[in-house]
Amino acid sequence: MKLSKIGLILVPLLASCSQESLNSTLSVKVKNPANGGDGKQVFEISLPPQYSGWKLKQHPSEWIENSEGKAVLLGAASIAPGKSISLELLPPKQVSNNNVQDRAHAELSVRMGGEWQDTAYSAEGFSFEEVTSFTSPPQLTDHSYFLRYEGPGWESDQMGYRLYLDWRNAIDVFVKTNESVVLPEVGQDGYDSYHNLSSWGGDALKVGKSLGLGALGRLADRNQEITTETRSDSTSKQAVMHFQYVENTEYQLVSNSQLRAEFKVSYEGWSSSEAKADSIDVTTHYRIDAFDPTTHISVSVSEPSDSIVAGLVAHDGMQVIKAEHGDWGVIATWGAQSILADNDNLGLALVYRLDQAERVFEGEHDHLVLFKPSTAFNYKILAVWPKRTTDIQTAKQFEDYLVNKLKMYSHPLTIIN
């Protein structure tokens, strides 16, 4: 799903700025390029101030504050490649919210009522408080039983994810059985209950020592020769450092609306060794939109580094998919890599900009994308679960789905001049 800022065709041109005198007809006309992707896409609509509160008549829409701090109308529509449609808007008094369902969510919850005992948080029962900002205490580590499902969670109506907010810094997958927002209830009935398939879904991915689905890491030895992808001796493949050496970690919720959820995690003093010779500050910004399992990740770095990678867990026996289109490439896996049941397939994908990637290769535990030295880059991750996504049942169908996504990312919706 590609964010697009859509221009407006106002019918007719209006001189007055008062709501009472505004003409009741307003529309936006958008086009999907012929080489674009097929499917529903979320986009931003910039309206003059006098049209604040107007919404799309027959499509989901809501007002949000975008990344630039500007009030915009967020909308969603499906436009076939090479086609255009005119979307009518209605003034606030005529707007119905019946066509807007809460389809995006992000959160972080902290356990209450206890105390720290070394690196574990001890309390009677499991009572959590949702927070909008959080600084990790120095004793926080894996299985501290302090953060509900161990870190931030985010979801669309299609898929859910979580980030381990400790030294592992890996991304896990929550598959969903329905379109409802489910994360507020996950882990409330026992700390590890989400590891089992339930009525809402479950924690599906075996992360192990990997980065999971698309989390950041750093090459442990940048000067080590990168082996070919076909070598089977894992000891010859490059190891990746997670966040074993970081001075401070902070979480901040950015937005949490019906069609979009965003948060960011900032790391101060991230190094690849105790020597801290290559210490940098990194901020990762996560965004997920409705109608799509894609998470859009933007990264800012205090100084360019030649060792930053994003990793996709490399389970044995999976079918590996690679594709390129336009500005984007993808490395993906397909197969029985869900831990919820035997022979439970899961599709995982890491999408990267071709001009920002140094190389794609296989590391010790992950398929890795090494980013070129830069102070800013972006990439995307997504997962699909065939038990929910009935039209994706084979590796070939997953590959076709991913190529369609690359078309969306490379050729977003545009205004018709």
Protein backbone atom coordinates (compact mmCIF):
# COMPACT_ATOMS: atom_id res chain seq x y z
CA MET A 1 0.00 0.00 0.00
CA LYS A 2 1.58 3.28 -1.07
CA LEU A 3 1.00 6.65 0.53
CA SER A 4 0.05 9.20 -2.10
CA LYS A 5 -0.71 12.88 -1.80
CA ILE A 6 -3.61 13.46 -4.13
CA GLY A 7 -4.43 16.73 -5.82
CA LEU A 8 -7.94 18.14 -5.93
CA ILE A 9 -10.45 19.10 -8.56
CA LEU A 10 -12.91 21.46 -6.88
CA VAL A 11 -16.31 21.70 -8.57
CA PRO A 12 -16.87 24.61 -8.96
CA LEU A 13 -14.17 27.09 -7.87
CA LEU A 14 -15.28 28.60 -4.59
CA ALA A 15 -14.55 32.10 -3.36
CA SER A 16 -16.16 32.05 0.07
CA CYS A 17 -14.42 30.61 3.12
CA SER A 18 -17.46 30.00 5.32
CA GLN A 19 -18.96 26.52 5.65
CA GLU A 20 -22.46 27.90 5.14
CA SER A 21 -21.66 29.43 1.76
CA LEU A 22 -19.62 26.53 0.40
CA ASN A 23 -21.03 24.67 -2.56
CA SER A 24 -22.13 21.16 -1.62
CA THR A 25 -20.23 19.56 -4.51
CA LEU A 26 -16.59 18.70 -4.01
CA SER A 27 -14.59 15.89 -5.59
CA VAL A 28 -11.10 14.52 -5.99
CA LYS A 29 -10.03 12.77 -9.17
CA VAL A 30 -7.22 10.24 -8.99
CA LYS A 31 -5.59 7.82 -11.37
CA ASN A 32 -3.73 4.57 -10.97
CA PRO A 33 -0.91 4.44 -13.56
CA ALA A 34 -1.13 1.64 -16.11
CA ASN A 35 1.95 0.03 -14.58
CA GLY A 36 0.64 0.42 -11.02
CA GLY A 37 -0.65 -2.27 -8.69
CA ASP A 38 -4.15 -3.61 -8.21
CA GLY A 39 -5.94 -3.30 -4.87
CA LYS A 40 -7.13 -0.86 -2.22
CA GLN A 41 -4.65 1.89 -1.36
CA VAL A 42 -4.59 4.53 1.38
CA PHE A 43 -3.74 8.11 0.42
CA GLU A 44 -3.67 11.66 1.79
CA ILE A 45 -5.90 14.44 0.47
CA SER A 46 -4.86 18.04 1.08
CA LEU A 47 -7.90 20.33 1.28
CA PRO A 48 -8.13 24.11 1.74
CA PRO A 49 -8.82 25.08 5.38
CA GLN A 50 -12.47 25.90 4.68
CA TYR A 51 -13.09 22.25 3.84
CA SER A 52 -11.93 20.92 7.19
CA GLY A 53 -14.25 18.10 8.25
CA TRP A 54 -15.34 17.11 4.74
CA LYS A 55 -15.06 13.37 4.08
CA LEU A 56 -15.40 10.94 1.22
CA LYS A 57 -18.99 9.98 0.50
CA GLN A 58 -18.67 6.27 -0.28
CA HIS A 59 -15.16 5.38 0.83
CA PRO A 60 -13.45 5.14 4.21
CA SER A 61 -11.85 8.45 5.25
CA GLU A 62 -10.75 10.34 8.35
CA TRP A 63 -8.86 13.47 9.27
CA ILE A 64 -5.37 13.04 10.70
CA GLU A 65 -2.21 15.03 11.27
CA ASN A 66 0.43 13.80 8.83
CA SER A 67 4.17 13.44 9.37
CA GLU A 68 4.65 17.10 8.50
CA GLY A 69 2.17 18.21 11.18
CA LYS A 70 -0.48 19.18 8.63
CA ALA A 71 -4.15 18.27 8.90
CA VAL A 72 -5.04 16.06 5.92
CA LEU A 73 -7.89 13.79 4.93
CA LEU A 74 -6.87 10.15 4.82
CA GLY A 75 -8.86 8.08 2.34
CA ALA A 76 -8.85 4.60 0.83
CA ALA A 77 -9.99 3.38 -2.57
CA SER A 78 -9.36 0.60 -5.06
CA ILE A 79 -8.55 1.80 -8.57
CA ALA A 80 -7.63 -0.61 -11.36
CA PRO A 81 -4.30 0.02 -13.11
CA GLY A 82 -4.72 2.50 -15.95
CA LYS A 83 -8.07 3.71 -14.59
CA SER A 84 -9.21 6.85 -12.79
CA ILE A 85 -12.15 7.61 -10.55
CA SER A 86 -13.78 10.73 -9.17
CA LEU A 87 -14.38 10.60 -5.41
CA GLU A 88 -17.13 12.80 -4.02
CA LEU A 89 -16.77 14.50 -0.64
CA LEU A 90 -19.47 15.62 1.76
CA PRO A 91 -19.55 18.49 4.29
CA PRO A 92 -19.49 17.62 8.02
CA LYS A 93 -23.27 17.84 8.49
CA GLN A 94 -23.81 15.18 5.83
CA VAL A 95 -20.98 12.87 6.86
CA SER A 96 -21.75 9.40 8.13
CA ASN A 97 -19.11 7.40 9.96
CA ASN A 98 -20.75 4.09 9.16
CA ASN A 99 -18.17 3.26 6.49
CA VAL A 100 -15.16 3.73 8.83
CA GLN A 101 -14.10 0.82 11.00
CA ASP A 102 -11.10 0.82 13.33
CA ARG A 103 -8.59 -1.06 11.19
CA ALA A 104 -5.19 0.09 12.54
CA HIS A 105 -3.69 0.12 16.00
CA ALA A 106 -0.36 0.54 17.83
CA GLU A 107 0.36 0.21 21.53
CA LEU A 108 2.83 -0.47 24.32
CA SER A 109 1.74 -1.65 27.78
CA VAL A 110 3.76 -1.76 30.99
CA ARG A 111 3.11 -4.15 33.87
CA MET A 112 2.02 -2.57 37.13
CA GLY A 113 1.87 -3.40 40.83
CA GLY A 114 5.20 -5.15 41.28
CA GLU A 115 8.90 -4.60 41.62
CA TRP A 116 12.14 -5.54 39.91
CA GLN A 117 14.11 -8.50 41.13
CA ASP A 118 17.36 -8.34 39.18
CA THR A 119 16.25 -8.58 35.50
CA ALA A 120 12.74 -9.91 36.18
CA TYR A 121 9.65 -7.92 37.18
CA SER A 122 7.68 -9.69 39.91
CA ALA A 123 4.02 -8.94 40.61
CA GLU A 124 0.81 -10.63 41.64
CA GLY A 125 -1.14 -11.30 38.45
CA PHE A 126 -0.82 -9.39 35.23
CA SER A 127 -2.12 -5.82 35.29
CA PHE A 128 -0.93 -3.50 32.51
CA GLU A 129 -1.08 0.21 31.75
CA GLU A 130 -0.88 1.45 28.17
CA VAL A 131 1.68 4.23 27.70
CA THR A 132 2.34 6.69 24.89
CA SER A 133 6.03 7.11 25.74
CA PHE A 134 8.51 4.84 27.47
CA THR A 135 12.20 4.65 28.31
CA SER A 136 13.57 1.15 28.79
CA PRO A 137 15.06 0.58 32.25
CA PRO A 138 18.66 -0.72 32.14
CA GLN A 139 17.67 -4.11 33.62
CA LEU A 140 15.09 -4.86 30.92
CA THR A 141 16.03 -7.95 28.92
CA ASP A 142 14.35 -10.89 27.27
CA HIS A 143 11.64 -12.53 29.39
CA SER A 144 11.64 -9.81 32.06
CA TYR A 145 7.84 -10.11 32.27
CA PHE A 146 7.53 -6.33 32.35
CA LEU A 147 6.13 -5.36 28.92
CA ARG A 148 2.97 -7.00 27.63
CA TYR A 149 4.12 -9.37 24.85
CA GLU A 150 7.62 -7.94 25.35
CA GLY A 151 7.34 -4.67 23.43
CA PRO A 152 5.31 -2.48 21.08
CA GLY A 153 2.59 -4.12 19.01
CA TRP A 154 0.92 -2.85 15.86
CA GLU A 155 -1.69 -4.18 13.46
CA SER A 156 -3.91 -3.54 10.51
CA ASP A 157 -7.07 -5.45 9.73
CA GLN A 158 -4.83 -7.89 7.81
CA MET A 159 -1.89 -8.71 10.11
CA GLY A 160 -0.26 -7.89 13.45
CA TYR A 161 3.36 -7.55 14.57
CA ARG A 162 5.41 -6.99 17.72
CA LEU A 163 8.93 -5.70 18.39
CA TYR A 164 11.03 -7.11 21.22
CA LEU A 165 12.05 -3.94 23.06
CA ASP A 166 15.21 -5.45 24.50
CA TRP A 167 18.63 -6.53 23.25
CA ARG A 168 17.04 -8.96 20.76
CA ASN A 169 15.26 -6.16 18.86
CA ALA A 170 13.54 -8.71 16.61
CA ILE A 171 10.13 -8.43 14.94
CA ASP A 172 7.57 -11.21 15.41
CA VAL A 173 4.27 -11.89 13.64
CA PHE A 174 0.75 -12.06 15.06
CA VAL A 175 -1.56 -13.74 12.54
CA LYS A 176 -5.22 -12.70 12.74
CA THR A 177 -8.43 -14.59 12.08
CA ASN A 178 -10.59 -11.47 11.56
CA GLU A 179 -10.47 -7.78 10.64
CA SER A 180 -11.01 -6.42 14.16
CA VAL A 181 -8.40 -4.69 16.31
CA VAL A 182 -7.23 -7.44 18.67
CA LEU A 183 -3.94 -6.37 20.27
CA PRO A 184 -5.47 -4.65 23.35
CA GLU A 185 -6.61 -8.09 24.52
CA VAL A 186 -3.44 -10.04 23.69
CA GLY A 187 -1.46 -11.23 26.70
CA GLN A 188 -4.02 -10.03 29.22
CA ASP A 189 -5.06 -13.54 30.30
CA GLY A 190 -1.60 -14.89 31.05
CA TYR A 191 1.77 -13.68 29.90
CA ASP A 192 2.45 -16.39 27.32
CA SER A 193 -1.10 -17.20 26.24
CA TYR A 194 -0.63 -15.64 22.78
CA HIS A 195 1.76 -18.43 21.80
CA ASN A 196 -1.28 -20.66 21.29
CA LEU A 197 -3.79 -20.27 18.46
CA SER A 198 -6.97 -18.69 19.81
CA SER A 199 -10.15 -17.18 18.41
CA TRP A 200 -8.31 -13.98 17.36
CA GLY A 201 -5.13 -15.65 16.04
CA GLY A 202 -1.72 -16.10 17.62
CA ASP A 203 2.03 -15.52 17.70
CA ALA A 204 3.12 -17.40 14.60
CA LEU A 205 6.83 -16.92 13.96
CA LYS A 206 9.80 -18.79 15.42
CA VAL A 207 12.36 -16.00 15.68
CA GLY A 208 15.17 -17.83 17.49
CA LYS A 209 18.51 -16.05 17.13
CA SER A 210 17.42 -14.18 14.00
CA LEU A 211 16.13 -10.64 13.47
CA GLY A 212 12.68 -12.08 12.77
CA LEU A 213 10.77 -10.19 10.11
CA GLY A 214 12.84 -7.19 9.05
CA ALA A 215 14.36 -5.84 12.25
CA LEU A 216 17.66 -3.95 12.18
CA GLY A 217 21.06 -5.35 13.12
CA ARG A 218 24.72 -4.69 12.47
CA LEU A 219 27.32 -6.94 10.91
CA ALA A 220 29.54 -8.24 13.69
CA ASP A 221 32.63 -8.08 11.48
CA ARG A 222 32.20 -5.78 8.50
CA ASN A 223 35.56 -6.82 7.06
CA GLN A 224 34.70 -10.54 6.95
CA GLU A 225 34.35 -11.85 3.41
CA ILE A 226 30.69 -12.40 2.53
CA THR A 227 30.17 -15.96 1.38
CA THR A 228 27.96 -16.98 -1.48
CA GLU A 229 24.32 -17.77 -0.75
CA THR A 230 24.76 -21.37 -1.79
CA ARG A 231 27.26 -22.34 0.90
CA SER A 232 25.69 -24.61 3.51
CA ASP A 233 28.28 -24.16 6.27
CA SER A 234 26.56 -21.69 8.58
CA THR A 235 29.80 -21.05 10.49
CA SER A 236 31.22 -19.32 7.42
CA LYS A 237 28.36 -16.86 7.19
CA GLN A 238 28.44 -13.43 8.74
CA ALA A 239 27.05 -13.04 12.24
CA VAL A 240 24.78 -10.13 13.14
CA MET A 241 24.83 -8.14 16.36
CA HIS A 242 21.40 -7.15 17.64
CA PHE A 243 21.18 -4.46 20.33
CA GLN A 244 23.52 -5.99 22.89
CA TYR A 245 25.32 -2.66 23.10
CA VAL A 246 22.97 0.30 23.34
CA GLU A 247 22.94 3.07 25.93
CA ASN A 248 19.29 4.09 25.85
CA THR A 249 16.07 2.98 24.15
CA GLU A 250 12.89 5.07 23.94
CA TYR A 251 9.42 4.39 22.52
CA GLN A 252 6.98 7.06 21.36
CA LEU A 253 3.46 6.60 19.99
CA VAL A 254 3.00 8.91 16.99
CA SER A 255 -0.62 8.34 15.92
CA ASN A 256 -3.38 5.84 16.43
CA SER A 257 -6.36 6.44 14.19
CA GLN A 258 -8.86 4.20 12.44
CA LEU A 259 -6.94 3.90 9.16
CA ARG A 260 -3.34 4.42 10.30
CA ALA A 261 -1.09 3.67 13.27
CA GLU A 262 2.46 4.95 13.80
CA PHE A 263 5.15 4.80 16.45
CA LYS A 264 8.90 5.28 16.67
CA VAL A 265 11.74 3.76 18.66
CA SER A 266 14.95 5.71 19.27
CA TYR A 267 18.25 4.12 20.21
CA GLU A 268 21.12 6.18 21.65
CA GLY A 269 24.65 4.88 21.51
CA TRP A 270 24.14 1.71 19.46
CA SER A 271 27.45 -0.11 18.94
CA SER A 272 28.50 -3.42 17.47
CA SER A 273 30.93 -4.17 20.32
CA GLU A 274 31.84 -3.18 23.86
CA ALA A 275 34.54 -0.92 22.47
CA LYS A 276 31.81 1.47 21.22
CA ALA A 277 34.11 2.68 18.47
CA ASP A 278 31.23 2.72 15.98
CA SER A 279 28.54 4.15 18.27
CA ILE A 280 25.60 5.78 16.47
CA ASP A 281 22.09 7.02 17.27
CA VAL A 282 19.22 5.47 15.31
CA THR A 283 15.50 6.22 15.13
CA THR A 284 13.08 3.78 13.50
CA HIS A 285 9.61 4.99 12.51
CA TYR A 286 6.91 2.36 11.91
CA ARG A 287 3.64 2.95 10.04
CA ILE A 288 0.84 0.58 9.14
CA ASP A 289 -2.30 1.41 7.14
CA ALA A 290 -5.66 -0.27 6.89
CA PHE A 291 -6.44 -2.88 4.20
CA ASP A 292 -2.78 -3.95 4.01
CA PRO A 293 -0.34 -6.09 6.00
CA THR A 294 2.58 -3.85 5.01
CA THR A 295 4.61 -2.04 7.66
CA HIS A 296 6.49 0.97 6.31
CA ILE A 297 9.76 1.57 8.19
CA SER A 298 11.79 4.79 7.97
CA VAL A 299 15.23 4.93 9.57
CA SER A 300 17.33 7.96 10.49
CA VAL A 301 20.97 7.59 11.58
CA SER A 302 23.22 10.15 13.29
CA GLU A 303 26.20 9.15 11.12
CA PRO A 304 26.43 6.97 8.01
CA SER A 305 27.35 3.37 8.78
CA ASP A 306 28.45 0.60 6.42
CA SER A 307 27.28 -2.22 8.73
CA ILE A 308 23.50 -1.76 9.14
CA VAL A 309 21.34 -4.61 7.90
CA ALA A 310 17.72 -5.70 8.03
CA GLY A 311 17.16 -9.42 8.45
CA LEU A 312 14.56 -11.97 7.46
CA VAL A 313 14.70 -15.22 9.44
CA ALA A 314 16.12 -18.06 7.33
CA HIS A 315 14.31 -21.25 8.31
CA ASP A 316 15.42 -24.51 6.73
CA GLY A 317 13.33 -25.85 3.87
CA MET A 318 11.61 -22.60 2.92
CA GLN A 319 11.10 -21.49 -0.67
CA VAL A 320 13.05 -18.27 -1.22
CA ILE A 321 11.48 -15.64 -3.47
CA LYS A 322 13.31 -12.71 -5.04
CA ALA A 323 11.83 -10.06 -7.31
CA GLU A 324 12.45 -6.52 -8.51
CA HIS A 325 10.20 -3.91 -10.07
CA GLY A 326 10.74 -0.20 -10.50
CA ASP A 327 12.44 1.28 -7.44
CA TRP A 328 11.95 -1.73 -5.20
CA GLY A 329 13.22 -5.26 -4.63
CA VAL A 330 12.05 -8.01 -2.28
CA ILE A 331 13.51 -11.04 -0.53
CA ALA A 332 10.79 -13.36 0.77
CA THR A 333 10.21 -16.85 2.14
CA TRP A 334 7.29 -19.23 1.90
CA GLY A 335 6.60 -22.47 3.71
CA ALA A 336 5.61 -24.19 6.94
CA GLN A 337 7.31 -21.67 9.24
CA SER A 338 4.35 -20.94 11.50
CA ILE A 339 4.65 -22.48 14.97
CA LEU A 340 0.89 -22.52 15.58
CA ALA A 341 0.24 -25.88 13.89
CA ASP A 342 1.93 -28.56 11.81
CA ASN A 343 2.30 -27.74 8.11
CA ASP A 344 1.04 -24.20 8.75
CA ASN A 345 2.37 -22.02 5.92
CA LEU A 346 3.44 -18.44 6.35
CA GLY A 347 4.72 -15.94 3.80
CA LEU A 348 7.28 -13.36 4.94
CA ALA A 349 8.76 -10.50 2.92
CA LEU A 350 11.39 -7.81 3.32
CA VAL A 351 11.10 -5.05 0.71
CA TYR A 352 13.97 -2.63 0.06
CA ARG A 353 14.80 0.24 -2.25
CA LEU A 354 17.23 -0.85 -4.94
CA ASP A 355 19.19 2.40 -4.73
CA GLN A 356 19.64 2.07 -0.95
CA ALA A 357 20.77 -1.57 -0.78
CA GLU A 358 24.44 -2.51 -1.00
CA ARG A 359 23.72 -6.23 -1.40
CA VAL A 360 21.38 -9.05 -0.40
CA PHE A 361 22.97 -12.19 1.02
CA GLU A 362 22.55 -14.97 3.55
CA GLY A 363 23.92 -14.51 7.06
CA GLU A 364 24.20 -16.89 9.96
CA HIS A 365 20.50 -16.85 10.86
CA ASP A 366 18.90 -14.46 8.35
CA HIS A 367 18.52 -13.40 4.78
CA LEU A 368 20.16 -9.98 5.01
CA VAL A 369 19.84 -6.66 3.21
CA LEU A 370 22.93 -4.52 3.77
CA PHE A 371 22.15 -0.82 3.45
CA LYS A 372 24.50 1.67 1.86
CA PRO A 373 26.02 4.21 4.28
CA SER A 374 23.45 6.96 4.73
CA THR A 375 21.73 9.05 7.39
CA ALA A 376 18.27 8.03 6.15
CA PHE A 377 16.76 5.02 4.42
CA ASN A 378 13.45 3.18 4.32
CA TYR A 379 12.13 -0.30 3.74
CA LYS A 380 9.00 -2.39 4.25
CA ILE A 381 7.96 -5.71 5.74
CA LEU A 382 4.85 -7.83 5.43
CA ALA A 383 3.47 -11.26 6.26
CA VAL A 384 0.56 -13.28 4.87
CA TRP A 385 -1.17 -16.27 6.43
CA PRO A 386 -2.94 -18.58 3.94
CA LYS A 387 -5.55 -19.58 6.52
CA ARG A 388 -6.71 -15.96 6.45
CA THR A 389 -5.67 -14.85 2.97
CA THR A 390 -7.49 -17.49 0.96
CA ASP A 391 -6.29 -16.25 -2.45
CA ILE A 392 -2.63 -16.87 -1.50
CA GLN A 393 -2.15 -20.60 -1.08
CA THR A 394 1.10 -21.28 -2.96
CA ALA A 395 4.57 -19.82 -3.29
CA LYS A 396 3.75 -18.71 -6.84
CA GLN A 397 0.63 -16.85 -5.69
CA PHE A 398 2.69 -15.19 -2.95
CA GLU A 399 5.28 -14.13 -5.51
CA ASP A 400 2.57 -12.65 -7.75
CA TYR A 401 1.16 -10.82 -4.73
CA LEU A 402 4.57 -9.35 -3.92
CA VAL A 403 5.19 -8.20 -7.50
CA ASN A 404 1.84 -6.43 -7.39
CA LYS A 405 2.95 -4.70 -4.18
CA LEU A 406 6.20 -3.58 -5.81
CA LYS A 407 4.13 -2.02 -8.58
CA MET A 408 2.09 -0.12 -5.98
CA TYR A 409 5.22 1.16 -4.25
CA SER A 410 6.92 2.19 -7.50
CA HIS A 411 3.87 3.67 -9.26
CA PRO A 412 1.56 5.31 -6.72
CA LEU A 413 -1.78 6.93 -7.42
CA THR A 414 -1.48 10.29 -9.20
CA ILE A 415 -3.56 13.39 -9.96
CA ILE A 416 -5.01 13.79 -13.44
CA ASN A 417 -3.89 17.07 -14.93
